[in-house]
PDB file of all heavy atoms in Angstrom:
ATOM      1  N   ALA A   1     -24.610 -51.441 -20.266  1.00  0.00           N
ATOM      2  CA  ALA A   1     -25.338 -50.758 -19.199  1.00  0.00           C
ATOM      3  C   ALA A   1     -26.724 -50.234 -19.740  1.00  0.00           C
ATOM      4  O   ALA A   1     -27.782 -50.042 -19.082  1.00  0.00           O
ATOM      5  CB  ALA A   1     -24.640 -49.585 -18.590  1.00  0.00           C
ATOM      6  N   ALA A   2     -26.733 -50.062 -21.078  1.00  0.00           N
ATOM      7  CA  ALA A   2     -27.880 -49.468 -21.721  1.00  0.00           C
ATOM      8  C   ALA A   2     -29.008 -50.545 -22.039  1.00  0.00           C
ATOM      9  O   ALA A   2     -30.001 -50.163 -22.598  1.00  0.00           O
ATOM     10  CB  ALA A   2     -27.436 -48.698 -23.132  1.00  0.00           C
ATOM     11  N   LEU A   3     -28.683 -51.742 -21.870  1.00  0.00           N
ATOM     12  CA  LEU A   3     -29.661 -52.825 -22.212  1.00  0.00           C
ATOM     13  C   LEU A   3     -30.837 -52.609 -21.267  1.00  0.00           C
ATOM     14  O   LEU A   3     -30.706 -52.477 -20.065  1.00  0.00           O
ATOM     15  CB  LEU A   3     -29.013 -54.201 -21.874  1.00  0.00           C
ATOM     16  CG  LEU A   3     -27.824 -54.592 -22.713  1.00  0.00           C
ATOM     17  CD1 LEU A   3     -27.372 -55.999 -22.331  1.00  0.00           C
ATOM     18  CD2 LEU A   3     -28.332 -54.669 -24.188  1.00  0.00           C
ATOM     19  N   PRO A   4     -32.007 -52.627 -21.837  1.00  0.00           N
ATOM     20  CA  PRO A   4     -33.180 -52.474 -21.104  1.00  0.00           C
ATOM     21  C   PRO A   4     -33.433 -53.644 -20.128  1.00  0.00           C
ATOM     22  O   PRO A   4     -33.133 -54.742 -20.479  1.00  0.00           O
ATOM     23  CB  PRO A   4     -34.324 -52.294 -22.066  1.00  0.00           C
ATOM     24  CG  PRO A   4     -33.789 -52.981 -23.249  1.00  0.00           C
ATOM     25  CD  PRO A   4     -32.287 -52.762 -23.241  1.00  0.00           C
ATOM     26  N   PRO A   5     -34.003 -53.475 -18.921  1.00  0.00           N
ATOM     27  CA  PRO A   5     -34.368 -54.483 -18.040  1.00  0.00           C
ATOM     28  C   PRO A   5     -35.402 -55.437 -18.577  1.00  0.00           C
ATOM     29  O   PRO A   5     -36.258 -55.107 -19.367  1.00  0.00           O
ATOM     30  CB  PRO A   5     -34.670 -53.799 -16.694  1.00  0.00           C
ATOM     31  CG  PRO A   5     -35.210 -52.503 -17.163  1.00  0.00           C
ATOM     32  CD  PRO A   5     -34.487 -52.177 -18.444  1.00  0.00           C
ATOM     33  N   GLY A   6     -35.427 -56.767 -18.050  1.00  0.00           N
ATOM     34  CA  GLY A   6     -36.554 -57.566 -18.354  1.00  0.00           C
ATOM     35  C   GLY A   6     -36.453 -58.431 -19.659  1.00  0.00           C
ATOM     36  O   GLY A   6     -37.376 -59.033 -20.032  1.00  0.00           O
ATOM     37  N   LEU A   7     -35.314 -58.218 -20.366  1.00  0.00           N
ATOM     38  CA  LEU A   7     -35.171 -58.998 -21.602  1.00  0.00           C
ATOM     39  C   LEU A   7     -34.856 -60.441 -21.354  1.00  0.00           C
ATOM     40  O   LEU A   7     -34.215 -60.820 -20.375  1.00  0.00           O
ATOM     41  CB  LEU A   7     -33.917 -58.372 -22.458  1.00  0.00           C
ATOM     42  CG  LEU A   7     -34.153 -56.932 -23.026  1.00  0.00           C
ATOM     43  CD1 LEU A   7     -32.960 -56.478 -23.733  1.00  0.00           C
ATOM     44  CD2 LEU A   7     -35.329 -56.926 -24.121  1.00  0.00           C
ATOM     45  N   PRO A   8     -35.313 -61.314 -22.250  1.00  0.00           N
ATOM     46  CA  PRO A   8     -35.187 -62.759 -21.978  1.00  0.00           C
ATOM     47  C   PRO A   8     -33.700 -63.166 -22.138  1.00  0.00           C
ATOM     48  O   PRO A   8     -33.060 -62.630 -22.961  1.00  0.00           O
ATOM     49  CB  PRO A   8     -36.096 -63.412 -23.044  1.00  0.00           C
ATOM     50  CG  PRO A   8     -36.259 -62.421 -24.096  1.00  0.00           C
ATOM     51  CD  PRO A   8     -36.268 -61.031 -23.418  1.00  0.00           C
ATOM     52  N   THR A   9     -33.221 -63.949 -21.304  1.00  0.00           N
ATOM     53  CA  THR A   9     -31.913 -64.451 -21.390  1.00  0.00           C
ATOM     54  C   THR A   9     -31.729 -65.689 -22.117  1.00  0.00           C
ATOM     55  O   THR A   9     -32.508 -66.636 -21.785  1.00  0.00           O
ATOM     56  CB  THR A   9     -31.360 -64.666 -19.895  1.00  0.00           C
ATOM     57  OG1 THR A   9     -31.410 -63.473 -19.236  1.00  0.00           O
ATOM     58  CG2 THR A   9     -29.880 -65.117 -20.041  1.00  0.00           C
ATOM     59  N   PRO A  10     -31.042 -65.720 -23.159  1.00  0.00           N
ATOM     60  CA  PRO A  10     -30.976 -67.001 -23.972  1.00  0.00           C
ATOM     61  C   PRO A  10     -30.274 -68.093 -23.295  1.00  0.00           C
ATOM     62  O   PRO A  10     -29.369 -67.900 -22.459  1.00  0.00           O
ATOM     63  CB  PRO A  10     -30.064 -66.657 -25.249  1.00  0.00           C
ATOM     64  CG  PRO A  10     -29.253 -65.455 -24.614  1.00  0.00           C
ATOM     65  CD  PRO A  10     -30.105 -64.770 -23.586  1.00  0.00           C
ATOM     66  N   PRO A  11     -30.777 -69.383 -23.399  1.00  0.00           N
ATOM     67  CA  PRO A  11     -30.151 -70.468 -22.704  1.00  0.00           C
ATOM     68  C   PRO A  11     -28.846 -70.833 -23.251  1.00  0.00           C
ATOM     69  O   PRO A  11     -28.488 -70.557 -24.428  1.00  0.00           O
ATOM     70  CB  PRO A  11     -31.169 -71.704 -23.097  1.00  0.00           C
ATOM     71  CG  PRO A  11     -31.830 -71.201 -24.320  1.00  0.00           C
ATOM     72  CD  PRO A  11     -31.938 -69.741 -24.303  1.00  0.00           C
ATOM     73  N   ARG A  12     -27.954 -71.399 -22.372  1.00  0.00           N
ATOM     74  CA  ARG A  12     -26.633 -71.707 -22.867  1.00  0.00           C
ATOM     75  C   ARG A  12     -26.478 -73.138 -23.287  1.00  0.00           C
ATOM     76  O   ARG A  12     -25.528 -73.594 -23.868  1.00  0.00           O
ATOM     77  CB  ARG A  12     -25.573 -71.379 -21.777  1.00  0.00           C
ATOM     78  CG  ARG A  12     -25.535 -69.955 -21.420  1.00  0.00           C
ATOM     79  CD  ARG A  12     -24.837 -69.142 -22.604  1.00  0.00           C
ATOM     80  NE  ARG A  12     -23.536 -69.664 -22.847  1.00  0.00           N
ATOM     81  CZ  ARG A  12     -22.425 -69.294 -22.205  1.00  0.00           C
ATOM     82  NH1 ARG A  12     -22.514 -68.468 -21.235  1.00  0.00           N
ATOM     83  NH2 ARG A  12     -21.261 -69.846 -22.543  1.00  0.00           N
ATOM     84  N   THR A  13     -27.389 -74.079 -22.840  1.00  0.00           N
ATOM     85  CA  THR A  13     -27.166 -75.545 -22.969  1.00  0.00           C
ATOM     86  C   THR A  13     -28.292 -76.110 -23.704  1.00  0.00           C
ATOM     87  O   THR A  13     -28.432 -77.326 -23.710  1.00  0.00           O
ATOM     88  CB  THR A  13     -27.035 -76.164 -21.528  1.00  0.00           C
ATOM     89  OG1 THR A  13     -28.267 -75.921 -20.789  1.00  0.00           O
ATOM     90  CG2 THR A  13     -25.919 -75.683 -20.872  1.00  0.00           C
ATOM     91  N   GLY A  14     -29.212 -75.439 -24.340  1.00  0.00           N
ATOM     92  CA  GLY A  14     -30.251 -75.962 -25.097  1.00  0.00           C
ATOM     93  C   GLY A  14     -31.393 -76.462 -24.255  1.00  0.00           C
ATOM     94  O   GLY A  14     -32.089 -77.445 -24.585  1.00  0.00           O
ATOM     95  N   ALA A  15     -31.488 -75.912 -22.999  1.00  0.00           N
ATOM     96  CA  ALA A  15     -32.538 -76.336 -22.155  1.00  0.00           C
ATOM     97  C   ALA A  15     -33.967 -75.995 -22.804  1.00  0.00           C
ATOM     98  O   ALA A  15     -34.182 -75.190 -23.530  1.00  0.00           O
ATOM     99  CB  ALA A  15     -32.379 -75.611 -20.752  1.00  0.00           C
ATOM    100  N   GLY A  16     -34.903 -76.837 -22.276  1.00  0.00           N
ATOM    101  CA  GLY A  16     -36.232 -76.605 -22.813  1.00  0.00           C
ATOM    102  C   GLY A  16     -36.550 -77.112 -24.200  1.00  0.00           C
ATOM    103  O   GLY A  16     -37.464 -76.801 -24.823  1.00  0.00           O
ATOM    104  N   GLY A  17     -35.671 -78.063 -24.585  1.00  0.00           N
ATOM    105  CA  GLY A  17     -35.900 -78.731 -25.921  1.00  0.00           C
ATOM    106  C   GLY A  17     -35.297 -77.955 -27.100  1.00  0.00           C
ATOM    107  O   GLY A  17     -35.475 -78.316 -28.213  1.00  0.00           O
ATOM    108  N   ILE A  18     -34.676 -76.747 -26.852  1.00  0.00           N
ATOM    109  CA  ILE A  18     -34.066 -76.017 -27.867  1.00  0.00           C
ATOM    110  C   ILE A  18     -32.724 -76.732 -28.264  1.00  0.00           C
ATOM    111  O   ILE A  18     -31.933 -76.896 -27.376  1.00  0.00           O
ATOM    112  CB  ILE A  18     -33.796 -74.560 -27.438  1.00  0.00           C
ATOM    113  CG1 ILE A  18     -35.062 -73.918 -27.041  1.00  0.00           C
ATOM    114  CG2 ILE A  18     -33.159 -73.706 -28.605  1.00  0.00           C
ATOM    115  CD1 ILE A  18     -34.862 -72.538 -26.606  1.00  0.00           C
ATOM    116  N   PRO A  19     -32.511 -77.000 -29.541  1.00  0.00           N
ATOM    117  CA  PRO A  19     -31.162 -77.694 -29.980  1.00  0.00           C
ATOM    118  C   PRO A  19     -30.037 -76.727 -29.460  1.00  0.00           C
ATOM    119  O   PRO A  19     -30.148 -75.493 -29.599  1.00  0.00           O
ATOM    120  CB  PRO A  19     -31.426 -77.714 -31.440  1.00  0.00           C
ATOM    121  CG  PRO A  19     -32.784 -77.814 -31.759  1.00  0.00           C
ATOM    122  CD  PRO A  19     -33.440 -76.998 -30.720  1.00  0.00           C
ATOM    123  N   ARG A  20     -28.919 -77.256 -29.176  1.00  0.00           N
ATOM    124  CA  ARG A  20     -27.784 -76.598 -28.601  1.00  0.00           C
ATOM    125  C   ARG A  20     -27.272 -75.579 -29.602  1.00  0.00           C
ATOM    126  O   ARG A  20     -26.752 -74.564 -29.246  1.00  0.00           O
ATOM    127  CB  ARG A  20     -26.698 -77.528 -28.165  1.00  0.00           C
ATOM    128  CG  ARG A  20     -27.062 -78.212 -26.866  1.00  0.00           C
ATOM    129  CD  ARG A  20     -25.866 -78.915 -26.322  1.00  0.00           C
ATOM    130  NE  ARG A  20     -24.886 -77.969 -25.963  1.00  0.00           N
ATOM    131  CZ  ARG A  20     -23.582 -78.239 -25.779  1.00  0.00           C
ATOM    132  NH1 ARG A  20     -23.175 -79.551 -25.784  1.00  0.00           N
ATOM    133  NH2 ARG A  20     -22.659 -77.411 -25.437  1.00  0.00           N
ATOM    134  N   VAL A  21     -27.233 -75.954 -30.925  1.00  0.00           N
ATOM    135  CA  VAL A  21     -26.699 -75.079 -31.974  1.00  0.00           C
ATOM    136  C   VAL A  21     -27.523 -73.768 -32.017  1.00  0.00           C
ATOM    137  O   VAL A  21     -26.953 -72.641 -32.188  1.00  0.00           O
ATOM    138  CB  VAL A  21     -26.736 -75.736 -33.314  1.00  0.00           C
ATOM    139  CG1 VAL A  21     -28.123 -75.941 -33.849  1.00  0.00           C
ATOM    140  CG2 VAL A  21     -25.838 -74.920 -34.236  1.00  0.00           C
ATOM    141  N   LEU A  22     -28.862 -73.727 -31.725  1.00  0.00           N
ATOM    142  CA  LEU A  22     -29.544 -72.588 -31.631  1.00  0.00           C
ATOM    143  C   LEU A  22     -29.323 -71.748 -30.382  1.00  0.00           C
ATOM    144  O   LEU A  22     -29.140 -70.565 -30.415  1.00  0.00           O
ATOM    145  CB  LEU A  22     -31.100 -72.891 -31.662  1.00  0.00           C
ATOM    146  CG  LEU A  22     -31.518 -73.667 -32.919  1.00  0.00           C
ATOM    147  CD1 LEU A  22     -33.121 -73.860 -32.814  1.00  0.00           C
ATOM    148  CD2 LEU A  22     -31.180 -72.968 -34.149  1.00  0.00           C
ATOM    149  N   SER A  23     -29.220 -72.432 -29.186  1.00  0.00           N
ATOM    150  CA  SER A  23     -28.967 -71.706 -27.940  1.00  0.00           C
ATOM    151  C   SER A  23     -27.508 -71.080 -28.065  1.00  0.00           C
ATOM    152  O   SER A  23     -27.264 -70.100 -27.412  1.00  0.00           O
ATOM    153  CB  SER A  23     -29.064 -72.679 -26.720  1.00  0.00           C
ATOM    154  OG  SER A  23     -28.234 -73.772 -26.880  1.00  0.00           O
ATOM    155  N   GLU A  24     -26.666 -71.799 -28.710  1.00  0.00           N
ATOM    156  CA  GLU A  24     -25.295 -71.256 -28.756  1.00  0.00           C
ATOM    157  C   GLU A  24     -25.231 -69.904 -29.634  1.00  0.00           C
ATOM    158  O   GLU A  24     -24.615 -69.061 -29.351  1.00  0.00           O
ATOM    159  CB  GLU A  24     -24.283 -72.298 -29.335  1.00  0.00           C
ATOM    160  CG  GLU A  24     -22.882 -71.874 -29.513  1.00  0.00           C
ATOM    161  CD  GLU A  24     -22.215 -71.477 -28.246  1.00  0.00           C
ATOM    162  OE1 GLU A  24     -22.692 -71.928 -27.211  1.00  0.00           O
ATOM    163  OE2 GLU A  24     -21.202 -70.682 -28.151  1.00  0.00           O
ATOM    164  N   LEU A  25     -25.971 -69.993 -30.720  1.00  0.00           N
ATOM    165  CA  LEU A  25     -26.059 -68.819 -31.595  1.00  0.00           C
ATOM    166  C   LEU A  25     -26.755 -67.613 -30.849  1.00  0.00           C
ATOM    167  O   LEU A  25     -26.346 -66.403 -30.841  1.00  0.00           O
ATOM    168  CB  LEU A  25     -26.784 -69.108 -32.870  1.00  0.00           C
ATOM    169  CG  LEU A  25     -27.032 -67.841 -33.778  1.00  0.00           C
ATOM    170  CD1 LEU A  25     -25.589 -67.299 -34.155  1.00  0.00           C
ATOM    171  CD2 LEU A  25     -27.717 -68.273 -35.128  1.00  0.00           C
ATOM    172  N   MET A  26     -27.737 -67.950 -30.048  1.00  0.00           N
ATOM    173  CA  MET A  26     -28.432 -66.926 -29.313  1.00  0.00           C
ATOM    174  C   MET A  26     -27.398 -66.316 -28.264  1.00  0.00           C
ATOM    175  O   MET A  26     -27.466 -65.138 -28.028  1.00  0.00           O
ATOM    176  CB  MET A  26     -29.620 -67.616 -28.426  1.00  0.00           C
ATOM    177  CG  MET A  26     -30.775 -68.106 -29.323  1.00  0.00           C
ATOM    178  SD  MET A  26     -31.960 -69.169 -28.484  1.00  0.00           S
ATOM    179  CE  MET A  26     -32.680 -68.003 -27.377  1.00  0.00           C
ATOM    180  N   HIS A  27     -26.550 -67.094 -27.825  1.00  0.00           N
ATOM    181  CA  HIS A  27     -25.554 -66.491 -26.923  1.00  0.00           C
ATOM    182  C   HIS A  27     -24.484 -65.689 -27.645  1.00  0.00           C
ATOM    183  O   HIS A  27     -24.147 -64.519 -27.285  1.00  0.00           O
ATOM    184  CB  HIS A  27     -24.803 -67.617 -26.076  1.00  0.00           C
ATOM    185  CG  HIS A  27     -23.674 -67.236 -25.365  1.00  0.00           C
ATOM    186  ND1 HIS A  27     -23.684 -66.288 -24.294  1.00  0.00           N
ATOM    187  CD2 HIS A  27     -22.243 -67.490 -25.517  1.00  0.00           C
ATOM    188  CE1 HIS A  27     -22.524 -66.187 -23.801  1.00  0.00           C
ATOM    189  NE2 HIS A  27     -21.721 -66.793 -24.476  1.00  0.00           N
ATOM    190  N   ARG A  28     -24.068 -66.217 -28.801  1.00  0.00           N
ATOM    191  CA  ARG A  28     -22.918 -65.546 -29.591  1.00  0.00           C
ATOM    192  C   ARG A  28     -23.428 -64.226 -30.184  1.00  0.00           C
ATOM    193  O   ARG A  28     -22.669 -63.421 -30.542  1.00  0.00           O
ATOM    194  CB  ARG A  28     -22.405 -66.454 -30.670  1.00  0.00           C
ATOM    195  CG  ARG A  28     -21.706 -67.741 -30.050  1.00  0.00           C
ATOM    196  CD  ARG A  28     -20.920 -68.402 -31.208  1.00  0.00           C
ATOM    197  NE  ARG A  28     -20.322 -69.662 -30.609  1.00  0.00           N
ATOM    198  CZ  ARG A  28     -19.432 -70.423 -31.308  1.00  0.00           C
ATOM    199  NH1 ARG A  28     -19.180 -70.099 -32.598  1.00  0.00           N
ATOM    200  NH2 ARG A  28     -18.955 -71.553 -30.686  1.00  0.00           N
ATOM    201  N   LEU A  29     -24.796 -64.100 -30.392  1.00  0.00           N
ATOM    202  CA  LEU A  29     -25.435 -62.900 -30.930  1.00  0.00           C
ATOM    203  C   LEU A  29     -24.905 -61.696 -30.086  1.00  0.00           C
ATOM    204  O   LEU A  29     -24.863 -60.548 -30.577  1.00  0.00           O
ATOM    205  CB  LEU A  29     -26.803 -62.978 -31.121  1.00  0.00           C
ATOM    206  CG  LEU A  29     -27.374 -63.740 -32.388  1.00  0.00           C
ATOM    207  CD1 LEU A  29     -28.815 -63.840 -32.277  1.00  0.00           C
ATOM    208  CD2 LEU A  29     -26.991 -63.066 -33.611  1.00  0.00           C
ATOM    209  N   GLY A  30     -24.687 -61.842 -28.726  1.00  0.00           N
ATOM    210  CA  GLY A  30     -24.296 -60.832 -27.922  1.00  0.00           C
ATOM    211  C   GLY A  30     -23.034 -60.180 -28.320  1.00  0.00           C
ATOM    212  O   GLY A  30     -22.722 -59.070 -27.993  1.00  0.00           O
ATOM    213  N   ARG A  31     -22.112 -60.917 -29.173  1.00  0.00           N
ATOM    214  CA  ARG A  31     -20.876 -60.396 -29.495  1.00  0.00           C
ATOM    215  C   ARG A  31     -21.091 -59.215 -30.512  1.00  0.00           C
ATOM    216  O   ARG A  31     -20.196 -58.287 -30.605  1.00  0.00           O
ATOM    217  CB  ARG A  31     -20.077 -61.483 -30.309  1.00  0.00           C
ATOM    218  CG  ARG A  31     -19.729 -62.632 -29.382  1.00  0.00           C
ATOM    219  CD  ARG A  31     -18.954 -63.684 -30.170  1.00  0.00           C
ATOM    220  NE  ARG A  31     -18.744 -64.934 -29.353  1.00  0.00           N
ATOM    221  CZ  ARG A  31     -18.152 -65.875 -29.797  1.00  0.00           C
ATOM    222  NH1 ARG A  31     -17.632 -66.088 -31.026  1.00  0.00           N
ATOM    223  NH2 ARG A  31     -17.929 -66.979 -28.932  1.00  0.00           N
ATOM    224  N   TYR A  32     -22.241 -59.195 -31.229  1.00  0.00           N
ATOM    225  CA  TYR A  32     -22.468 -58.026 -32.137  1.00  0.00           C
ATOM    226  C   TYR A  32     -22.625 -56.759 -31.337  1.00  0.00           C
ATOM    227  O   TYR A  32     -22.192 -55.725 -31.941  1.00  0.00           O
ATOM    228  CB  TYR A  32     -23.846 -58.354 -32.936  1.00  0.00           C
ATOM    229  CG  TYR A  32     -24.348 -57.198 -33.621  1.00  0.00           C
ATOM    230  CD1 TYR A  32     -23.612 -56.867 -34.901  1.00  0.00           C
ATOM    231  CD2 TYR A  32     -25.351 -56.431 -33.314  1.00  0.00           C
ATOM    232  CE1 TYR A  32     -24.158 -55.738 -35.687  1.00  0.00           C
ATOM    233  CE2 TYR A  32     -25.813 -55.336 -34.066  1.00  0.00           C
ATOM    234  CZ  TYR A  32     -25.144 -54.972 -35.207  1.00  0.00           C
ATOM    235  OH  TYR A  32     -25.578 -53.936 -35.901  1.00  0.00           O
ATOM    236  N   LEU A  33     -23.079 -56.815 -30.155  1.00  0.00           N
ATOM    237  CA  LEU A  33     -23.223 -55.560 -29.404  1.00  0.00           C
ATOM    238  C   LEU A  33     -21.874 -55.052 -28.983  1.00  0.00           C
ATOM    239  O   LEU A  33     -21.673 -53.849 -28.868  1.00  0.00           O
ATOM    240  CB  LEU A  33     -24.017 -55.853 -28.070  1.00  0.00           C
ATOM    241  CG  LEU A  33     -25.481 -56.461 -28.310  1.00  0.00           C
ATOM    242  CD1 LEU A  33     -26.048 -56.661 -26.918  1.00  0.00           C
ATOM    243  CD2 LEU A  33     -26.318 -55.458 -29.110  1.00  0.00           C
ATOM    244  N   ASP A  34     -20.869 -55.886 -28.896  1.00  0.00           N
ATOM    245  CA  ASP A  34     -19.573 -55.444 -28.552  1.00  0.00           C
ATOM    246  C   ASP A  34     -18.733 -54.900 -29.723  1.00  0.00           C
ATOM    247  O   ASP A  34     -18.097 -53.904 -29.621  1.00  0.00           O
ATOM    248  CB  ASP A  34     -18.711 -56.679 -28.012  1.00  0.00           C
ATOM    249  CG  ASP A  34     -19.302 -57.156 -26.659  1.00  0.00           C
ATOM    250  OD1 ASP A  34     -20.019 -56.475 -26.067  1.00  0.00           O
ATOM    251  OD2 ASP A  34     -19.080 -58.320 -26.399  1.00  0.00           O
ATOM    252  N   ALA A  35     -18.912 -55.512 -30.980  1.00  0.00           N
ATOM    253  CA  ALA A  35     -18.156 -55.143 -32.129  1.00  0.00           C
ATOM    254  C   ALA A  35     -19.036 -55.312 -33.383  1.00  0.00           C
ATOM    255  O   ALA A  35     -18.917 -56.324 -34.102  1.00  0.00           O
ATOM    256  CB  ALA A  35     -16.946 -55.979 -32.276  1.00  0.00           C
ATOM    257  N   PRO A  36     -20.002 -54.412 -33.661  1.00  0.00           N
ATOM    258  CA  PRO A  36     -20.925 -54.688 -34.741  1.00  0.00           C
ATOM    259  C   PRO A  36     -20.313 -54.923 -36.107  1.00  0.00           C
ATOM    260  O   PRO A  36     -20.731 -55.809 -36.782  1.00  0.00           O
ATOM    261  CB  PRO A  36     -21.745 -53.390 -34.746  1.00  0.00           C
ATOM    262  CG  PRO A  36     -21.627 -52.783 -33.363  1.00  0.00           C
ATOM    263  CD  PRO A  36     -20.197 -53.244 -32.913  1.00  0.00           C
TER     264      PRO A  36
END
């Protein structure tokens, strides 16, 4: 709930030419917020 509004949402499927391994790590980084 403390996340500020307007932050960019990382892609889940590598859309926009981003390799999927990068978009997957962008997604998994959210786990750090749960259990640093």
